[in-house]
Amino acid sequence: MKSNENWLMDNTGDIKIKKNIILTEPEETIAQRLQNKISLNYKEWFLHESEGVNWFGTENLEGNIGKKLTELVLDSQIKNYINSDKDVSKILDYTTDFSNNGNYNIKISIATNKNGIIKI
């Protein structure tokens, strides 16, 4: 496996397997990495407790779901997370929809450092 490849996952996070495990293209690797980072709750992964978005809070930090400024705070965290990625050049388009029932939908278009464009 090349260093810019990863196992391709479906939309549920399962590895796609046909006859063999399917590998990603470079842009898919970046998109998957960013999707995983965004969906990770803050302090959820014991190996990197500073990773993740503070969706629900921890014993020391209140979460963002249910707050009046939820969308603004989450958007800021997510944009900072994306912009800090080593392969991201800039965010081209960023739209969110935070509904009253707690659904948080994100659509992001990103330019990579190698002039690729990915959408998550």
C-alpha atoms as a PDB file:
ATOM      1  CA  MET A   1       0.000   0.000   0.000  1.00  0.00           C
ATOM      2  CA  LYS A   2       1.386   3.415  -0.987  1.00  0.00           C
ATOM      3  CA  SER A   3       1.654   6.117   1.667  1.00  0.00           C
ATOM      4  CA  ASN A   4      -1.087   8.183   0.003  1.00  0.00           C
ATOM      5  CA  GLU A   5      -3.568   5.274  -0.075  1.00  0.00           C
ATOM      6  CA  ASN A   6      -5.879   3.971   2.578  1.00  0.00           C
ATOM      7  CA  TRP A   7      -8.628   1.390   2.793  1.00  0.00           C
ATOM      8  CA  LEU A   8     -11.776   2.685   1.119  1.00  0.00           C
ATOM      9  CA  MET A   9     -14.735   2.890   3.500  1.00  0.00           C
ATOM     10  CA  ASP A  10     -18.426   3.092   2.689  1.00  0.00           C
ATOM     11  CA  ASN A  11     -20.767   5.697   4.188  1.00  0.00           C
ATOM     12  CA  THR A  12     -21.219   3.607   7.360  1.00  0.00           C
ATOM     13  CA  GLY A  13     -17.467   3.441   8.027  1.00  0.00           C
ATOM     14  CA  ASP A  14     -17.054  -0.204   6.994  1.00  0.00           C
ATOM     15  CA  ILE A  15     -14.119  -1.184   4.783  1.00  0.00           C
ATOM     16  CA  LYS A  16     -15.219  -1.943   1.211  1.00  0.00           C
ATOM     17  CA  ILE A  17     -14.245  -5.462   0.202  1.00  0.00           C
ATOM     18  CA  LYS A  18     -14.971  -7.182  -3.091  1.00  0.00           C
ATOM     19  CA  LYS A  19     -12.369  -9.740  -4.145  1.00  0.00           C
ATOM     20  CA  ASN A  20      -9.790  -7.709  -2.236  1.00  0.00           C
ATOM     21  CA  ILE A  21      -9.779  -4.711   0.034  1.00  0.00           C
ATOM     22  CA  ILE A  22     -10.303  -1.626  -2.133  1.00  0.00           C
ATOM     23  CA  LEU A  23      -7.761   1.174  -1.733  1.00  0.00           C
ATOM     24  CA  THR A  24      -8.438   4.883  -2.046  1.00  0.00           C
ATOM     25  CA  GLU A  25      -7.085   7.508  -4.378  1.00  0.00           C
ATOM     26  CA  PRO A  26      -5.194  10.422  -2.735  1.00  0.00           C
ATOM     27  CA  GLU A  27      -8.226  12.761  -2.610  1.00  0.00           C
ATOM     28  CA  GLU A  28     -10.406   9.995  -1.136  1.00  0.00           C
ATOM     29  CA  THR A  29      -7.790   9.445   1.571  1.00  0.00           C
ATOM     30  CA  ILE A  30      -7.958  13.115   2.573  1.00  0.00           C
ATOM     31  CA  ALA A  31     -11.767  13.161   2.474  1.00  0.00           C
ATOM     32  CA  GLN A  32     -12.032  10.041   4.631  1.00  0.00           C
ATOM     33  CA  ARG A  33      -9.512  11.379   7.122  1.00  0.00           C
ATOM     34  CA  LEU A  34     -11.414  14.667   7.457  1.00  0.00           C
ATOM     35  CA  GLN A  35     -14.797  12.914   7.737  1.00  0.00           C
ATOM     36  CA  ASN A  36     -13.423  10.682  10.491  1.00  0.00           C
ATOM     37  CA  LYS A  37     -11.907  13.651  12.344  1.00  0.00           C
ATOM     38  CA  ILE A  38     -15.142  15.649  12.162  1.00  0.00           C
ATOM     39  CA  SER A  39     -17.323  12.764  13.312  1.00  0.00           C
ATOM     40  CA  LEU A  40     -15.014  11.957  16.233  1.00  0.00           C
ATOM     41  CA  ASN A  41     -16.208  13.295  19.578  1.00  0.00           C
ATOM     42  CA  TYR A  42     -13.635  15.275  21.581  1.00  0.00           C
ATOM     43  CA  LYS A  43     -11.550  12.990  23.869  1.00  0.00           C
ATOM     44  CA  GLU A  44     -13.226   9.900  22.378  1.00  0.00           C
ATOM     45  CA  TRP A  45     -10.011   8.288  21.144  1.00  0.00           C
ATOM     46  CA  PHE A  46      -7.725   7.385  24.030  1.00  0.00           C
ATOM     47  CA  LEU A  47      -4.558   7.589  21.908  1.00  0.00           C
ATOM     48  CA  HIS A  48      -5.234  11.222  20.925  1.00  0.00           C
ATOM     49  CA  GLU A  49      -7.496  12.802  23.498  1.00  0.00           C
ATOM     50  CA  SER A  50      -7.110  16.274  22.003  1.00  0.00           C
ATOM     51  CA  GLU A  51      -8.649  15.113  18.705  1.00  0.00           C
ATOM     52  CA  GLY A  52     -12.307  15.455  17.853  1.00  0.00           C
ATOM     53  CA  VAL A  53     -15.089  18.033  17.830  1.00  0.00           C
ATOM     54  CA  ASN A  54     -16.707  18.928  21.149  1.00  0.00           C
ATOM     55  CA  TRP A  55     -20.178  17.761  20.132  1.00  0.00           C
ATOM     56  CA  PHE A  56     -21.465  16.608  23.515  1.00  0.00           C
ATOM     57  CA  GLY A  57     -18.906  17.698  26.082  1.00  0.00           C
ATOM     58  CA  THR A  58     -16.689  15.987  28.634  1.00  0.00           C
ATOM     59  CA  GLU A  59     -16.369  16.176  32.383  1.00  0.00           C
ATOM     60  CA  ASN A  60     -14.423  19.461  32.065  1.00  0.00           C
ATOM     61  CA  LEU A  61     -16.036  21.042  28.988  1.00  0.00           C
ATOM     62  CA  GLU A  62     -19.661  21.621  28.146  1.00  0.00           C
ATOM     63  CA  GLY A  63     -20.762  20.290  24.789  1.00  0.00           C
ATOM     64  CA  ASN A  64     -22.172  22.373  21.973  1.00  0.00           C
ATOM     65  CA  ILE A  65     -25.384  20.519  21.151  1.00  0.00           C
ATOM     66  CA  GLY A  66     -28.332  22.411  22.623  1.00  0.00           C
ATOM     67  CA  LYS A  67     -26.561  25.766  23.005  1.00  0.00           C
ATOM     68  CA  LYS A  68     -27.817  28.975  21.400  1.00  0.00           C
ATOM     69  CA  LEU A  69     -24.499  29.499  19.647  1.00  0.00           C
ATOM     70  CA  THR A  70     -24.159  25.851  18.653  1.00  0.00           C
ATOM     71  CA  GLU A  71     -23.900  26.330  14.903  1.00  0.00           C
ATOM     72  CA  LEU A  72     -21.408  29.193  15.163  1.00  0.00           C
ATOM     73  CA  VAL A  73     -19.202  27.349  17.687  1.00  0.00           C
ATOM     74  CA  LEU A  74     -19.283  24.025  15.805  1.00  0.00           C
ATOM     75  CA  ASP A  75     -18.635  25.709  12.450  1.00  0.00           C
ATOM     76  CA  SER A  76     -15.599  27.454  13.918  1.00  0.00           C
ATOM     77  CA  GLN A  77     -14.221  24.205  15.394  1.00  0.00           C
ATOM     78  CA  ILE A  78     -14.790  22.257  12.188  1.00  0.00           C
ATOM     79  CA  LYS A  79     -13.258  24.950   9.949  1.00  0.00           C
ATOM     80  CA  ASN A  80     -10.192  25.154  12.199  1.00  0.00           C
ATOM     81  CA  TYR A  81      -9.902  21.368  12.147  1.00  0.00           C
ATOM     82  CA  ILE A  82     -10.047  21.258   8.349  1.00  0.00           C
ATOM     83  CA  ASN A  83      -7.672  24.184   7.825  1.00  0.00           C
ATOM     84  CA  SER A  84      -5.102  22.588  10.139  1.00  0.00           C
ATOM     85  CA  ASP A  85      -4.915  19.432   8.004  1.00  0.00           C
ATOM     86  CA  LYS A  86      -1.538  19.040   6.270  1.00  0.00           C
ATOM     87  CA  ASP A  87      -3.117  18.350   2.859  1.00  0.00           C
ATOM     88  CA  VAL A  88      -5.695  21.170   2.835  1.00  0.00           C
ATOM     89  CA  SER A  89      -4.966  24.385   0.947  1.00  0.00           C
ATOM     90  CA  LYS A  90      -8.259  26.147   1.724  1.00  0.00           C
ATOM     91  CA  ILE A  91     -11.984  25.719   2.193  1.00  0.00           C
ATOM     92  CA  LEU A  92     -13.779  26.664  -1.032  1.00  0.00           C
ATOM     93  CA  ASP A  93     -17.366  26.302   0.156  1.00  0.00           C
ATOM     94  CA  TYR A  94     -18.838  25.547   3.569  1.00  0.00           C
ATOM     95  CA  THR A  95     -22.547  25.235   4.308  1.00  0.00           C
ATOM     96  CA  THR A  96     -24.303  23.804   7.315  1.00  0.00           C
ATOM     97  CA  ASP A  97     -27.871  23.224   8.331  1.00  0.00           C
ATOM     98  CA  PHE A  98     -28.567  22.863  12.035  1.00  0.00           C
ATOM     99  CA  SER A  99     -32.202  21.844  12.425  1.00  0.00           C
ATOM    100  CA  ASN A 100     -34.329  22.167  15.541  1.00  0.00           C
ATOM    101  CA  ASN A 101     -34.357  18.398  16.046  1.00  0.00           C
ATOM    102  CA  GLY A 102     -30.562  18.302  16.474  1.00  0.00           C
ATOM    103  CA  ASN A 103     -29.523  17.185  12.986  1.00  0.00           C
ATOM    104  CA  TYR A 104     -26.341  18.886  11.834  1.00  0.00           C
ATOM    105  CA  ASN A 105     -25.721  18.586   8.101  1.00  0.00           C
ATOM    106  CA  ILE A 106     -22.419  19.748   6.632  1.00  0.00           C
ATOM    107  CA  LYS A 107     -21.372  20.208   3.004  1.00  0.00           C
ATOM    108  CA  ILE A 108     -17.776  21.233   2.437  1.00  0.00           C
ATOM    109  CA  SER A 109     -15.714  21.755  -0.704  1.00  0.00           C
ATOM    110  CA  ILE A 110     -11.961  21.807  -0.106  1.00  0.00           C
ATOM    111  CA  ALA A 111      -8.916  22.597  -2.261  1.00  0.00           C
ATOM    112  CA  THR A 112      -5.960  20.327  -1.554  1.00  0.00           C
ATOM    113  CA  ASN A 113      -2.300  21.270  -1.658  1.00  0.00           C
ATOM    114  CA  LYS A 114      -1.932  19.284  -4.886  1.00  0.00           C
ATOM    115  CA  ASN A 115      -4.680  21.279  -6.680  1.00  0.00           C
ATOM    116  CA  GLY A 116      -7.349  18.645  -6.142  1.00  0.00           C
ATOM    117  CA  ILE A 117     -10.876  19.398  -4.986  1.00  0.00           C
ATOM    118  CA  ILE A 118     -12.742  17.175  -2.553  1.00  0.00           C
ATOM    119  CA  LYS A 119     -16.311  17.359  -1.298  1.00  0.00           C
ATOM    120  CA  ILE A 120     -17.472  15.999   1.996  1.00  0.00           C
END
